[in-house]
Every structure is written in C-alpha cells, then in structure tokens.
Amino acid sequence: MGRGFSEADWTDRAGAGYRDRMCRSIKTLRRPEPATSDEVRAAALQFVRKVSGYRVPSRANSEIFEATVDEIAAASQRMLDSLTTRESAVHSH
C-alpha cells in the first residue's frame, strides 16, 4: 500500500466516527523518556490525515501522502532531538 503501512493498517482504523476522533490520538511526545520512532510516525500520520482530510488517500495520492508523513516524522524527530529543557540548559552552563 505505501511505505511501512499495509492495507490492514488503513482498514483497521475505519470505524464509524473515526474522522472526528483522529487528532485526539496525537500524543505529546516531549517527555522525560524519548519518543519511539513508531510514536513519532503515528503522530505525523494523524497530522497528515487531519490536514489532508483523507483517512485513506486514493491510489493517485498515496505516494505524496506517504512522502509527507515521512517528512513530518523526520522534522518532528529533529525538533524533539533539538529541544532543550530548563534542566539541560542549566547543566550546559
């Protein structure tokens, strides 16, 4: 279907009212323990779904949809890796 997702990944989430709930599953990933790559990708997927309005993109749009998820996940990971906390700022001085 697309990079890293099977047909079952898309269809398992097709429950009634899913579109209305989809952003609620984006979790805050800045926390004491590092976010996993799966968590970062899941948040990126939810974001792209919300912005695009597609829960499942058409075949014609699946390549750009997946590429966008990849880009958002990579940008999110870079941001999480670069954020500083008060504690890390204090220890760096």
C-alpha atoms as a PDB file:
ATOM      1  CA  MET A   1       0.000   0.000   0.000  1.00  0.00           C
ATOM      2  CA  GLY A   2       2.613   2.570   0.993  1.00  0.00           C
ATOM      3  CA  ARG A   3       5.891   2.760   2.794  1.00  0.00           C
ATOM      4  CA  GLY A   4       5.529   0.988   6.098  1.00  0.00           C
ATOM      5  CA  PHE A   5       1.759   0.509   6.003  1.00  0.00           C
ATOM      6  CA  SER A   6      -0.272  -2.495   4.932  1.00  0.00           C
ATOM      7  CA  GLU A   7      -3.852  -2.479   3.717  1.00  0.00           C
ATOM      8  CA  ALA A   8      -4.854  -3.760   7.175  1.00  0.00           C
ATOM      9  CA  ASP A   9      -3.287  -0.692   8.816  1.00  0.00           C
ATOM     10  CA  TRP A  10      -5.672   1.535   6.878  1.00  0.00           C
ATOM     11  CA  THR A  11      -8.809  -0.591   7.099  1.00  0.00           C
ATOM     12  CA  ASP A  12      -8.473  -1.442  10.806  1.00  0.00           C
ATOM     13  CA  ARG A  13      -8.948   2.226  11.619  1.00  0.00           C
ATOM     14  CA  ALA A  14     -12.079   2.694   9.526  1.00  0.00           C
ATOM     15  CA  GLY A  15     -14.561   2.665  12.408  1.00  0.00           C
ATOM     16  CA  ALA A  16     -17.587   4.931  12.494  1.00  0.00           C
ATOM     17  CA  GLY A  17     -16.781   8.478  13.546  1.00  0.00           C
ATOM     18  CA  TYR A  18     -13.052   7.959  13.155  1.00  0.00           C
ATOM     19  CA  ARG A  19     -12.515  11.229  11.267  1.00  0.00           C
ATOM     20  CA  ASP A  20     -13.949  13.170  14.191  1.00  0.00           C
ATOM     21  CA  ARG A  21     -11.595  11.469  16.661  1.00  0.00           C
ATOM     22  CA  MET A  22      -8.359  11.292  14.706  1.00  0.00           C
ATOM     23  CA  CYS A  23      -6.468  14.215  16.256  1.00  0.00           C
ATOM     24  CA  ARG A  24      -7.153  13.019  19.768  1.00  0.00           C
ATOM     25  CA  SER A  25      -4.713  10.205  19.200  1.00  0.00           C
ATOM     26  CA  ILE A  26      -1.780  12.567  18.660  1.00  0.00           C
ATOM     27  CA  LYS A  27       0.146  12.307  21.889  1.00  0.00           C
ATOM     28  CA  THR A  28       2.537  14.812  23.381  1.00  0.00           C
ATOM     29  CA  LEU A  29       5.924  13.354  22.558  1.00  0.00           C
ATOM     30  CA  ARG A  30       8.128  15.759  24.524  1.00  0.00           C
ATOM     31  CA  ARG A  31       8.513  13.972  27.827  1.00  0.00           C
ATOM     32  CA  PRO A  32      11.279  12.575  30.054  1.00  0.00           C
ATOM     33  CA  GLU A  33      11.618   9.319  28.100  1.00  0.00           C
ATOM     34  CA  PRO A  34      12.335   9.670  24.380  1.00  0.00           C
ATOM     35  CA  ALA A  35       9.517   9.053  21.928  1.00  0.00           C
ATOM     36  CA  THR A  36       9.871   5.952  19.804  1.00  0.00           C
ATOM     37  CA  SER A  37      10.081   6.215  16.037  1.00  0.00           C
ATOM     38  CA  ASP A  38       6.689   4.481  15.871  1.00  0.00           C
ATOM     39  CA  GLU A  39       5.150   7.160  18.107  1.00  0.00           C
ATOM     40  CA  VAL A  40       6.667   9.956  16.024  1.00  0.00           C
ATOM     41  CA  ARG A  41       5.412   8.367  12.799  1.00  0.00           C
ATOM     42  CA  ALA A  42       1.927   7.783  14.238  1.00  0.00           C
ATOM     43  CA  ALA A  43       1.674  11.451  15.221  1.00  0.00           C
ATOM     44  CA  ALA A  44       2.857  12.501  11.751  1.00  0.00           C
ATOM     45  CA  LEU A  45       0.292  10.211  10.135  1.00  0.00           C
ATOM     46  CA  GLN A  46      -2.523  11.668  12.234  1.00  0.00           C
ATOM     47  CA  PHE A  47      -1.412  15.198  11.386  1.00  0.00           C
ATOM     48  CA  VAL A  48      -1.312  14.485   7.632  1.00  0.00           C
ATOM     49  CA  ARG A  49      -4.704  12.792   7.817  1.00  0.00           C
ATOM     50  CA  LYS A  50      -6.208  15.827   9.508  1.00  0.00           C
ATOM     51  CA  VAL A  51      -4.604  18.374   7.185  1.00  0.00           C
ATOM     52  CA  SER A  52      -5.410  16.439   4.005  1.00  0.00           C
ATOM     53  CA  GLY A  53      -8.880  15.354   5.042  1.00  0.00           C
ATOM     54  CA  TYR A  54      -8.031  11.801   3.947  1.00  0.00           C
ATOM     55  CA  ARG A  55      -8.143   8.889   6.321  1.00  0.00           C
ATOM     56  CA  VAL A  56      -7.029   6.749   3.403  1.00  0.00           C
ATOM     57  CA  PRO A  57      -5.600   8.528   0.358  1.00  0.00           C
ATOM     58  CA  SER A  58      -6.591   7.474  -3.134  1.00  0.00           C
ATOM     59  CA  ARG A  59      -4.045   5.493  -5.118  1.00  0.00           C
ATOM     60  CA  ALA A  60      -3.302   8.664  -7.073  1.00  0.00           C
ATOM     61  CA  ASN A  61      -2.434  10.499  -3.839  1.00  0.00           C
ATOM     62  CA  SER A  62      -0.850   7.705  -1.806  1.00  0.00           C
ATOM     63  CA  GLU A  63       2.755   8.451  -2.838  1.00  0.00           C
ATOM     64  CA  ILE A  64       2.624  12.136  -1.841  1.00  0.00           C
ATOM     65  CA  PHE A  65       0.633  11.271   1.282  1.00  0.00           C
ATOM     66  CA  GLU A  66       3.298   8.797   2.445  1.00  0.00           C
ATOM     67  CA  ALA A  67       6.150  11.141   1.479  1.00  0.00           C
ATOM     68  CA  THR A  68       4.525  13.898   3.530  1.00  0.00           C
ATOM     69  CA  VAL A  69       4.159  11.578   6.535  1.00  0.00           C
ATOM     70  CA  ASP A  70       7.866  10.741   6.194  1.00  0.00           C
ATOM     71  CA  GLU A  71       8.843  14.426   6.014  1.00  0.00           C
ATOM     72  CA  ILE A  72       6.711  15.415   9.007  1.00  0.00           C
ATOM     73  CA  ALA A  73       8.015  12.480  11.041  1.00  0.00           C
ATOM     74  CA  ALA A  74      11.625  13.409  10.227  1.00  0.00           C
ATOM     75  CA  ALA A  75      11.046  17.086  11.043  1.00  0.00           C
ATOM     76  CA  SER A  76       9.293  16.138  14.290  1.00  0.00           C
ATOM     77  CA  GLN A  77      12.151  13.849  15.305  1.00  0.00           C
ATOM     78  CA  ARG A  78      14.710  16.598  14.579  1.00  0.00           C
ATOM     79  CA  MET A  79      12.706  19.004  16.699  1.00  0.00           C
ATOM     80  CA  LEU A  80      12.370  16.553  19.587  1.00  0.00           C
ATOM     81  CA  ASP A  81      16.094  15.799  19.424  1.00  0.00           C
ATOM     82  CA  SER A  82      16.931  19.517  19.492  1.00  0.00           C
ATOM     83  CA  LEU A  83      14.584  20.792  22.184  1.00  0.00           C
ATOM     84  CA  THR A  84      16.218  21.817  25.407  1.00  0.00           C
ATOM     85  CA  THR A  85      14.693  21.724  28.838  1.00  0.00           C
ATOM     86  CA  ARG A  86      15.345  24.019  31.733  1.00  0.00           C
ATOM     87  CA  GLU A  87      17.427  21.280  33.317  1.00  0.00           C
ATOM     88  CA  SER A  88      19.582  20.702  30.229  1.00  0.00           C
ATOM     89  CA  ALA A  89      20.095  24.454  29.802  1.00  0.00           C
ATOM     90  CA  VAL A  90      21.253  24.778  33.423  1.00  0.00           C
ATOM     91  CA  HIS A  91      23.698  21.857  33.068  1.00  0.00           C
ATOM     92  CA  SER A  92      25.210  23.256  29.858  1.00  0.00           C
ATOM     93  CA  HIS A  93      26.394  26.447  31.584  1.00  0.00           C
END
